[in-house]
Amino acid sequence: MRSNGTIVFLYCDIRTIHQWLAGDKTRPLVQRNQGNKLDDLYHERMAAYLDTALVINATGKSVSRIAEEIQVLCINNHYPGHPADK
């Protein structure tokens, strides 16, 4: 994934993901992988997601708080696109 640019993985616990996706008819993959199957998919993909440059725990955080954390990580790690590059 890193070869495509800077990636930020917004980690969230599986219980919260279940709550967010409950009844969401716009996600066919989720509709086919209910319950334990969704959990299995989550755990199967986790290693690849954690192999990203930046990981933020988004569980229980507002969008604005997550955005602030992304900005701080980019500045502290000097990722392209942060204000110091301008």
N, C-alpha and C. Protein backbone atom coordinates (compact mmCIF):
# COMPACT_ATOMS: atom_id res chain seq x y z
N MET A 1 0.82 -1.21 0.00
CA MET A 1 0.00 0.00 0.00
C MET A 1 0.86 1.26 0.00
N ARG A 2 2.00 1.24 0.64
CA ARG A 2 2.83 2.44 0.75
C ARG A 2 3.33 2.94 -0.59
N SER A 3 3.47 2.06 -1.56
CA SER A 3 3.99 2.48 -2.85
C SER A 3 3.06 3.46 -3.56
N ASN A 4 1.82 3.55 -3.11
CA ASN A 4 0.85 4.45 -3.72
C ASN A 4 0.81 5.82 -3.07
N GLY A 5 1.64 6.06 -2.04
CA GLY A 5 1.66 7.35 -1.37
C GLY A 5 1.47 7.19 0.12
N THR A 6 1.28 8.31 0.80
CA THR A 6 1.08 8.30 2.25
C THR A 6 -0.31 7.79 2.56
N ILE A 7 -0.36 6.85 3.45
CA ILE A 7 -1.64 6.25 3.84
C ILE A 7 -1.83 6.44 5.33
N VAL A 8 -3.02 6.83 5.71
CA VAL A 8 -3.38 6.93 7.12
C VAL A 8 -4.45 5.88 7.38
N PHE A 9 -4.17 4.97 8.28
CA PHE A 9 -5.14 3.95 8.66
C PHE A 9 -5.86 4.42 9.91
N LEU A 10 -7.17 4.56 9.80
CA LEU A 10 -7.99 4.94 10.94
C LEU A 10 -8.48 3.67 11.61
N TYR A 11 -7.74 3.25 12.62
CA TYR A 11 -8.11 2.04 13.35
C TYR A 11 -9.38 2.29 14.14
N CYS A 12 -10.23 1.29 14.19
CA CYS A 12 -11.43 1.35 15.01
C CYS A 12 -11.76 -0.06 15.47
N ASP A 13 -12.22 -0.20 16.70
CA ASP A 13 -12.51 -1.54 17.18
C ASP A 13 -13.71 -2.13 16.43
N ILE A 14 -13.75 -3.45 16.37
CA ILE A 14 -14.75 -4.16 15.57
C ILE A 14 -16.17 -3.91 16.07
N ARG A 15 -16.36 -3.72 17.36
CA ARG A 15 -17.71 -3.45 17.88
C ARG A 15 -18.26 -2.14 17.30
N THR A 16 -17.41 -1.13 17.25
CA THR A 16 -17.84 0.15 16.70
C THR A 16 -18.16 0.02 15.22
N ILE A 17 -17.35 -0.73 14.50
CA ILE A 17 -17.60 -0.95 13.08
C ILE A 17 -18.94 -1.64 12.88
N HIS A 18 -19.24 -2.63 13.70
CA HIS A 18 -20.55 -3.30 13.62
C HIS A 18 -21.67 -2.28 13.83
N GLN A 19 -21.50 -1.38 14.80
CA GLN A 19 -22.52 -0.37 15.07
C GLN A 19 -22.68 0.57 13.87
N TRP A 20 -21.57 1.02 13.30
CA TRP A 20 -21.63 1.94 12.15
C TRP A 20 -22.31 1.31 10.95
N LEU A 21 -22.05 0.02 10.74
CA LEU A 21 -22.52 -0.63 9.52
C LEU A 21 -23.87 -1.32 9.66
N ALA A 22 -24.40 -1.37 10.86
CA ALA A 22 -25.68 -2.03 11.08
C ALA A 22 -26.76 -1.42 10.18
N GLY A 23 -27.32 -2.24 9.33
CA GLY A 23 -28.39 -1.80 8.46
C GLY A 23 -27.94 -1.02 7.23
N ASP A 24 -26.64 -0.88 7.02
CA ASP A 24 -26.14 -0.14 5.86
C ASP A 24 -26.29 -1.00 4.62
N LYS A 25 -27.19 -0.62 3.75
CA LYS A 25 -27.48 -1.39 2.53
C LYS A 25 -26.57 -0.99 1.36
N THR A 26 -25.68 -0.02 1.58
CA THR A 26 -24.81 0.45 0.51
C THR A 26 -23.48 -0.29 0.46
N ARG A 27 -23.27 -1.25 1.33
CA ARG A 27 -22.01 -1.98 1.39
C ARG A 27 -22.26 -3.47 1.15
N PRO A 28 -22.25 -3.88 -0.10
CA PRO A 28 -22.56 -5.28 -0.43
C PRO A 28 -21.65 -6.29 0.27
N LEU A 29 -20.36 -5.96 0.38
CA LEU A 29 -19.45 -6.89 1.04
C LEU A 29 -19.85 -7.12 2.49
N VAL A 30 -20.27 -6.06 3.16
CA VAL A 30 -20.70 -6.18 4.55
C VAL A 30 -21.99 -6.99 4.62
N GLN A 31 -22.89 -6.77 3.68
CA GLN A 31 -24.15 -7.51 3.68
C GLN A 31 -23.92 -9.01 3.53
N ARG A 32 -22.90 -9.39 2.78
CA ARG A 32 -22.60 -10.81 2.59
C ARG A 32 -21.79 -11.39 3.74
N ASN A 33 -21.15 -10.55 4.54
CA ASN A 33 -20.26 -11.01 5.60
C ASN A 33 -20.72 -10.55 6.97
N GLN A 34 -21.91 -10.95 7.34
CA GLN A 34 -22.48 -10.55 8.61
C GLN A 34 -21.85 -11.34 9.76
N GLY A 35 -21.94 -10.77 10.97
CA GLY A 35 -21.53 -11.46 12.19
C GLY A 35 -20.07 -11.89 12.19
N ASN A 36 -19.87 -13.18 12.46
CA ASN A 36 -18.51 -13.70 12.59
C ASN A 36 -17.71 -13.57 11.31
N LYS A 37 -18.38 -13.63 10.16
CA LYS A 37 -17.66 -13.48 8.89
C LYS A 37 -17.05 -12.09 8.76
N LEU A 38 -17.77 -11.08 9.21
CA LEU A 38 -17.23 -9.72 9.20
C LEU A 38 -16.04 -9.63 10.15
N ASP A 39 -16.15 -10.25 11.30
CA ASP A 39 -15.03 -10.28 12.25
C ASP A 39 -13.81 -10.95 11.63
N ASP A 40 -14.02 -12.06 10.95
CA ASP A 40 -12.91 -12.77 10.31
C ASP A 40 -12.24 -11.90 9.26
N LEU A 41 -13.03 -11.20 8.46
CA LEU A 41 -12.50 -10.31 7.42
C LEU A 41 -11.68 -9.18 8.06
N TYR A 42 -12.19 -8.63 9.13
CA TYR A 42 -11.50 -7.57 9.87
C TYR A 42 -10.13 -8.04 10.34
N HIS A 43 -10.09 -9.21 10.97
CA HIS A 43 -8.83 -9.73 11.50
C HIS A 43 -7.88 -10.16 10.37
N GLU A 44 -8.42 -10.67 9.30
CA GLU A 44 -7.62 -11.09 8.15
C GLU A 44 -6.90 -9.89 7.52
N ARG A 45 -7.56 -8.76 7.45
CA ARG A 45 -7.00 -7.58 6.79
C ARG A 45 -6.17 -6.70 7.73
N MET A 46 -6.28 -6.90 9.02
CA MET A 46 -5.64 -6.01 9.98
C MET A 46 -4.13 -5.89 9.78
N ALA A 47 -3.42 -6.96 9.52
CA ALA A 47 -1.96 -6.90 9.35
C ALA A 47 -1.59 -5.97 8.19
N ALA A 48 -2.32 -6.06 7.09
CA ALA A 48 -2.04 -5.19 5.95
C ALA A 48 -2.34 -3.73 6.30
N TYR A 49 -3.41 -3.50 7.02
CA TYR A 49 -3.76 -2.14 7.39
C TYR A 49 -2.73 -1.54 8.35
N LEU A 50 -2.24 -2.35 9.28
CA LEU A 50 -1.27 -1.86 10.25
C LEU A 50 0.11 -1.63 9.63
N ASP A 51 0.31 -2.14 8.42
CA ASP A 51 1.57 -1.95 7.71
C ASP A 51 1.57 -0.63 6.95
N THR A 52 0.83 0.33 7.44
CA THR A 52 0.78 1.65 6.81
C THR A 52 1.75 2.59 7.51
N ALA A 53 1.99 3.72 6.93
CA ALA A 53 2.92 4.68 7.51
C ALA A 53 2.36 5.33 8.77
N LEU A 54 1.07 5.63 8.78
CA LEU A 54 0.45 6.32 9.91
C LEU A 54 -0.78 5.57 10.38
N VAL A 55 -0.88 5.36 11.69
CA VAL A 55 -2.04 4.69 12.26
C VAL A 55 -2.61 5.58 13.36
N ILE A 56 -3.91 5.82 13.28
CA ILE A 56 -4.60 6.61 14.29
C ILE A 56 -5.76 5.79 14.83
N ASN A 57 -5.87 5.74 16.15
CA ASN A 57 -7.01 5.07 16.76
C ASN A 57 -8.18 6.04 16.71
N ALA A 58 -9.16 5.74 15.88
CA ALA A 58 -10.30 6.62 15.67
C ALA A 58 -11.50 6.25 16.54
N THR A 59 -11.38 5.21 17.33
CA THR A 59 -12.49 4.75 18.15
C THR A 59 -12.95 5.85 19.10
N GLY A 60 -14.21 6.23 18.96
CA GLY A 60 -14.82 7.20 19.87
C GLY A 60 -14.39 8.65 19.66
N LYS A 61 -13.69 8.95 18.57
CA LYS A 61 -13.22 10.31 18.34
C LYS A 61 -14.05 11.00 17.27
N SER A 62 -14.13 12.31 17.39
CA SER A 62 -14.85 13.11 16.39
C SER A 62 -13.99 13.24 15.13
N VAL A 63 -14.63 13.60 14.03
CA VAL A 63 -13.92 13.81 12.78
C VAL A 63 -12.88 14.91 12.95
N SER A 64 -13.23 15.99 13.64
CA SER A 64 -12.27 17.09 13.81
C SER A 64 -11.06 16.66 14.64
N ARG A 65 -11.28 15.83 15.65
CA ARG A 65 -10.16 15.35 16.47
C ARG A 65 -9.24 14.45 15.63
N ILE A 66 -9.82 13.60 14.82
CA ILE A 66 -9.03 12.72 13.95
C ILE A 66 -8.23 13.56 12.95
N ALA A 67 -8.84 14.57 12.38
CA ALA A 67 -8.15 15.45 11.43
C ALA A 67 -6.96 16.14 12.10
N GLU A 68 -7.15 16.60 13.33
CA GLU A 68 -6.05 17.22 14.07
C GLU A 68 -4.90 16.24 14.27
N GLU A 69 -5.21 15.01 14.62
CA GLU A 69 -4.18 14.00 14.84
C GLU A 69 -3.43 13.68 13.56
N ILE A 70 -4.15 13.63 12.44
CA ILE A 70 -3.49 13.39 11.15
C ILE A 70 -2.53 14.54 10.85
N GLN A 71 -2.96 15.75 11.06
CA GLN A 71 -2.10 16.90 10.79
C GLN A 71 -0.85 16.86 11.65
N VAL A 72 -0.99 16.58 12.93
CA VAL A 72 0.16 16.51 13.83
C VAL A 72 1.13 15.41 13.39
N LEU A 73 0.60 14.24 13.05
CA LEU A 73 1.47 13.16 12.60
C LEU A 73 2.22 13.52 11.33
N CYS A 74 1.55 14.16 10.40
CA CYS A 74 2.21 14.57 9.14
C CYS A 74 3.30 15.59 9.40
N ILE A 75 3.04 16.54 10.26
CA ILE A 75 4.04 17.56 10.57
C ILE A 75 5.22 16.92 11.30
N ASN A 76 4.95 16.11 12.30
CA ASN A 76 6.02 15.50 13.08
C ASN A 76 6.86 14.52 12.27
N ASN A 77 6.28 13.90 11.28
CA ASN A 77 6.99 12.91 10.47
C ASN A 77 7.41 13.46 9.11
N HIS A 78 7.17 14.75 8.87
CA HIS A 78 7.52 15.46 7.65
C HIS A 78 7.05 14.72 6.40
N TYR A 79 5.75 14.47 6.34
CA TYR A 79 5.14 13.87 5.17
C TYR A 79 4.82 14.96 4.16
N PRO A 80 4.97 14.66 2.88
CA PRO A 80 4.66 15.67 1.85
C PRO A 80 3.25 16.22 1.99
N GLY A 81 3.12 17.49 1.78
CA GLY A 81 1.81 18.11 1.81
C GLY A 81 1.53 18.85 3.10
N HIS A 82 2.39 18.71 4.10
CA HIS A 82 2.12 19.45 5.33
C HIS A 82 2.64 20.87 5.18
N PRO A 83 2.24 21.80 6.04
CA PRO A 83 2.55 23.21 5.87
C PRO A 83 4.04 23.53 5.74
N ALA A 84 4.92 22.77 6.32
CA ALA A 84 6.36 23.06 6.24
C ALA A 84 6.90 22.90 4.81
N ASP A 85 6.16 22.24 3.95
CA ASP A 85 6.59 22.04 2.56
C ASP A 85 6.27 23.24 1.68
N LYS A 86 5.54 24.21 2.19
CA LYS A 86 5.09 25.33 1.38
C LYS A 86 6.01 26.52 1.53
